[in-house]
Amino acid sequence: MENVTPSHYIVLSLCLFSIGFLGVLLRRNLLLMLMSLELMLNGINLALVTFSRSSLNLDGSIFVFFIMTVAAAEVAVGLAILVALFKKRRSVFSEDMNVITN
């Protein structure tokens, strides 16, 4: 059986980031776009933890802690904005959002 190396984690991180990036580009639902952004952040976090573990220091892990804190705040604010937009526009699709109010 093969051992798991840091390159395996980097490939997984790249896959997570790519799926999230494609989700942001291809999805029209703003909630799914937020979820795709979270997936991208998790891919970045996995890469940072991998580099931190392989270099035997805690710099990357501490940075991940701050990224997770900002991501939690982003989810709270993003969901609040989505709820407000849904109450006003009755839709959470990006093509229904414009700056001109009716």
C-alpha atoms as a PDB file:
ATOM      1  CA  MET A   1       0.000   0.000   0.000  1.00  0.00           C
ATOM      2  CA  GLU A   2       1.265   3.440  -0.918  1.00  0.00           C
ATOM      3  CA  ASN A   3       1.921   6.124   1.685  1.00  0.00           C
ATOM      4  CA  VAL A   4       0.122   9.420   1.441  1.00  0.00           C
ATOM      5  CA  THR A   5       2.587  12.186   0.557  1.00  0.00           C
ATOM      6  CA  PRO A   6       2.151  15.973   0.564  1.00  0.00           C
ATOM      7  CA  SER A   7       1.727  15.877  -3.209  1.00  0.00           C
ATOM      8  CA  HIS A   8      -1.486  13.895  -2.733  1.00  0.00           C
ATOM      9  CA  TYR A   9      -2.844  16.652  -0.501  1.00  0.00           C
ATOM     10  CA  ILE A  10      -1.810  19.318  -2.996  1.00  0.00           C
ATOM     11  CA  VAL A  11      -3.637  17.496  -5.797  1.00  0.00           C
ATOM     12  CA  LEU A  12      -6.735  17.244  -3.587  1.00  0.00           C
ATOM     13  CA  SER A  13      -6.400  20.927  -2.746  1.00  0.00           C
ATOM     14  CA  LEU A  14      -6.187  21.783  -6.439  1.00  0.00           C
ATOM     15  CA  CYS A  15      -9.281  19.680  -7.155  1.00  0.00           C
ATOM     16  CA  LEU A  16     -11.268  21.407  -4.386  1.00  0.00           C
ATOM     17  CA  PHE A  17     -10.212  24.846  -5.588  1.00  0.00           C
ATOM     18  CA  SER A  18     -11.003  23.979  -9.221  1.00  0.00           C
ATOM     19  CA  ILE A  19     -14.472  22.658  -8.382  1.00  0.00           C
ATOM     20  CA  GLY A  20     -15.172  25.792  -6.360  1.00  0.00           C
ATOM     21  CA  PHE A  21     -13.885  28.041  -9.137  1.00  0.00           C
ATOM     22  CA  LEU A  22     -16.055  26.312 -11.724  1.00  0.00           C
ATOM     23  CA  GLY A  23     -19.007  26.591  -9.355  1.00  0.00           C
ATOM     24  CA  VAL A  24     -18.536  30.353  -9.082  1.00  0.00           C
ATOM     25  CA  LEU A  25     -18.253  30.711 -12.855  1.00  0.00           C
ATOM     26  CA  LEU A  26     -21.064  28.385 -13.900  1.00  0.00           C
ATOM     27  CA  ARG A  27     -23.729  28.738 -11.202  1.00  0.00           C
ATOM     28  CA  ARG A  28     -26.378  31.447 -11.278  1.00  0.00           C
ATOM     29  CA  ASN A  29     -27.751  30.887  -7.773  1.00  0.00           C
ATOM     30  CA  LEU A  30     -26.026  33.249  -5.329  1.00  0.00           C
ATOM     31  CA  LEU A  31     -26.251  30.732  -2.479  1.00  0.00           C
ATOM     32  CA  LEU A  32     -24.438  28.123  -4.549  1.00  0.00           C
ATOM     33  CA  MET A  33     -21.853  30.748  -5.500  1.00  0.00           C
ATOM     34  CA  LEU A  34     -21.196  31.380  -1.791  1.00  0.00           C
ATOM     35  CA  MET A  35     -20.841  27.650  -1.214  1.00  0.00           C
ATOM     36  CA  SER A  36     -18.380  27.459  -4.105  1.00  0.00           C
ATOM     37  CA  LEU A  37     -16.344  30.279  -2.563  1.00  0.00           C
ATOM     38  CA  GLU A  38     -16.211  28.300   0.677  1.00  0.00           C
ATOM     39  CA  LEU A  39     -14.979  25.273  -1.271  1.00  0.00           C
ATOM     40  CA  MET A  40     -12.219  27.414  -2.791  1.00  0.00           C
ATOM     41  CA  LEU A  41     -11.207  28.631   0.672  1.00  0.00           C
ATOM     42  CA  ASN A  42     -11.103  25.051   1.948  1.00  0.00           C
ATOM     43  CA  GLY A  43      -8.817  24.087  -0.929  1.00  0.00           C
ATOM     44  CA  ILE A  44      -6.484  26.935  -0.010  1.00  0.00           C
ATOM     45  CA  ASN A  45      -6.618  25.919   3.662  1.00  0.00           C
ATOM     46  CA  LEU A  46      -5.685  22.338   2.814  1.00  0.00           C
ATOM     47  CA  ALA A  47      -2.677  23.528   0.810  1.00  0.00           C
ATOM     48  CA  LEU A  48      -1.545  25.822   3.624  1.00  0.00           C
ATOM     49  CA  VAL A  49      -1.821  23.069   6.227  1.00  0.00           C
ATOM     50  CA  THR A  50       0.076  20.695   3.935  1.00  0.00           C
ATOM     51  CA  PHE A  51       2.916  23.149   3.435  1.00  0.00           C
ATOM     52  CA  SER A  52       2.952  23.939   7.142  1.00  0.00           C
ATOM     53  CA  ARG A  53       3.118  20.269   8.080  1.00  0.00           C
ATOM     54  CA  SER A  54       5.808  19.417   5.538  1.00  0.00           C
ATOM     55  CA  SER A  55       8.043  22.317   6.621  1.00  0.00           C
ATOM     56  CA  LEU A  56       7.464  21.537  10.330  1.00  0.00           C
ATOM     57  CA  ASN A  57       6.309  25.002  11.374  1.00  0.00           C
ATOM     58  CA  LEU A  58       2.957  26.427  12.449  1.00  0.00           C
ATOM     59  CA  ASP A  59       2.821  29.501  10.208  1.00  0.00           C
ATOM     60  CA  GLY A  60       0.410  27.980   7.686  1.00  0.00           C
ATOM     61  CA  SER A  61      -1.837  26.511  10.375  1.00  0.00           C
ATOM     62  CA  ILE A  62      -2.130  29.866  12.129  1.00  0.00           C
ATOM     63  CA  PHE A  63      -2.953  31.523   8.807  1.00  0.00           C
ATOM     64  CA  VAL A  64      -5.666  28.882   8.227  1.00  0.00           C
ATOM     65  CA  PHE A  65      -7.217  29.808  11.572  1.00  0.00           C
ATOM     66  CA  PHE A  66      -7.568  33.421  10.439  1.00  0.00           C
ATOM     67  CA  ILE A  67      -8.940  32.391   7.040  1.00  0.00           C
ATOM     68  CA  MET A  68     -11.591  30.249   8.740  1.00  0.00           C
ATOM     69  CA  THR A  69     -12.546  33.177  10.966  1.00  0.00           C
ATOM     70  CA  VAL A  70     -12.960  35.493   7.978  1.00  0.00           C
ATOM     71  CA  ALA A  71     -14.883  32.766   6.100  1.00  0.00           C
ATOM     72  CA  ALA A  72     -17.339  32.410   8.999  1.00  0.00           C
ATOM     73  CA  ALA A  73     -17.927  36.162   8.986  1.00  0.00           C
ATOM     74  CA  GLU A  74     -18.331  36.075   5.200  1.00  0.00           C
ATOM     75  CA  VAL A  75     -20.998  33.386   5.473  1.00  0.00           C
ATOM     76  CA  ALA A  76     -22.932  35.300   8.119  1.00  0.00           C
ATOM     77  CA  VAL A  77     -22.875  38.575   6.182  1.00  0.00           C
ATOM     78  CA  GLY A  78     -23.450  36.866   2.837  1.00  0.00           C
ATOM     79  CA  LEU A  79     -26.492  34.959   4.058  1.00  0.00           C
ATOM     80  CA  ALA A  80     -27.917  38.109   5.640  1.00  0.00           C
ATOM     81  CA  ILE A  81     -27.531  39.949   2.331  1.00  0.00           C
ATOM     82  CA  LEU A  82     -29.105  37.036   0.451  1.00  0.00           C
ATOM     83  CA  VAL A  83     -32.106  36.998   2.795  1.00  0.00           C
ATOM     84  CA  ALA A  84     -32.551  40.748   2.335  1.00  0.00           C
ATOM     85  CA  LEU A  85     -32.262  40.407  -1.459  1.00  0.00           C
ATOM     86  CA  PHE A  86     -34.755  37.548  -1.476  1.00  0.00           C
ATOM     87  CA  LYS A  87     -37.260  39.577   0.546  1.00  0.00           C
ATOM     88  CA  LYS A  88     -36.953  42.486  -1.881  1.00  0.00           C
ATOM     89  CA  ARG A  89     -36.573  40.688  -5.247  1.00  0.00           C
ATOM     90  CA  ARG A  90     -38.115  37.259  -4.533  1.00  0.00           C
ATOM     91  CA  SER A  91     -35.155  35.616  -6.260  1.00  0.00           C
ATOM     92  CA  VAL A  92     -31.589  34.566  -5.448  1.00  0.00           C
ATOM     93  CA  PHE A  93     -30.415  34.196  -9.037  1.00  0.00           C
ATOM     94  CA  SER A  94     -27.609  36.455 -10.194  1.00  0.00           C
ATOM     95  CA  GLU A  95     -29.266  37.436 -13.478  1.00  0.00           C
ATOM     96  CA  ASP A  96     -32.225  38.888 -11.549  1.00  0.00           C
ATOM     97  CA  MET A  97     -29.971  41.260  -9.606  1.00  0.00           C
ATOM     98  CA  ASN A  98     -29.361  44.739 -11.001  1.00  0.00           C
ATOM     99  CA  VAL A  99     -28.686  48.160  -9.530  1.00  0.00           C
ATOM    100  CA  ILE A 100     -31.793  49.758 -10.994  1.00  0.00           C
ATOM    101  CA  THR A 101     -34.706  49.497  -8.603  1.00  0.00           C
ATOM    102  CA  ASN A 102     -38.225  49.129  -9.912  1.00  0.00           C
END
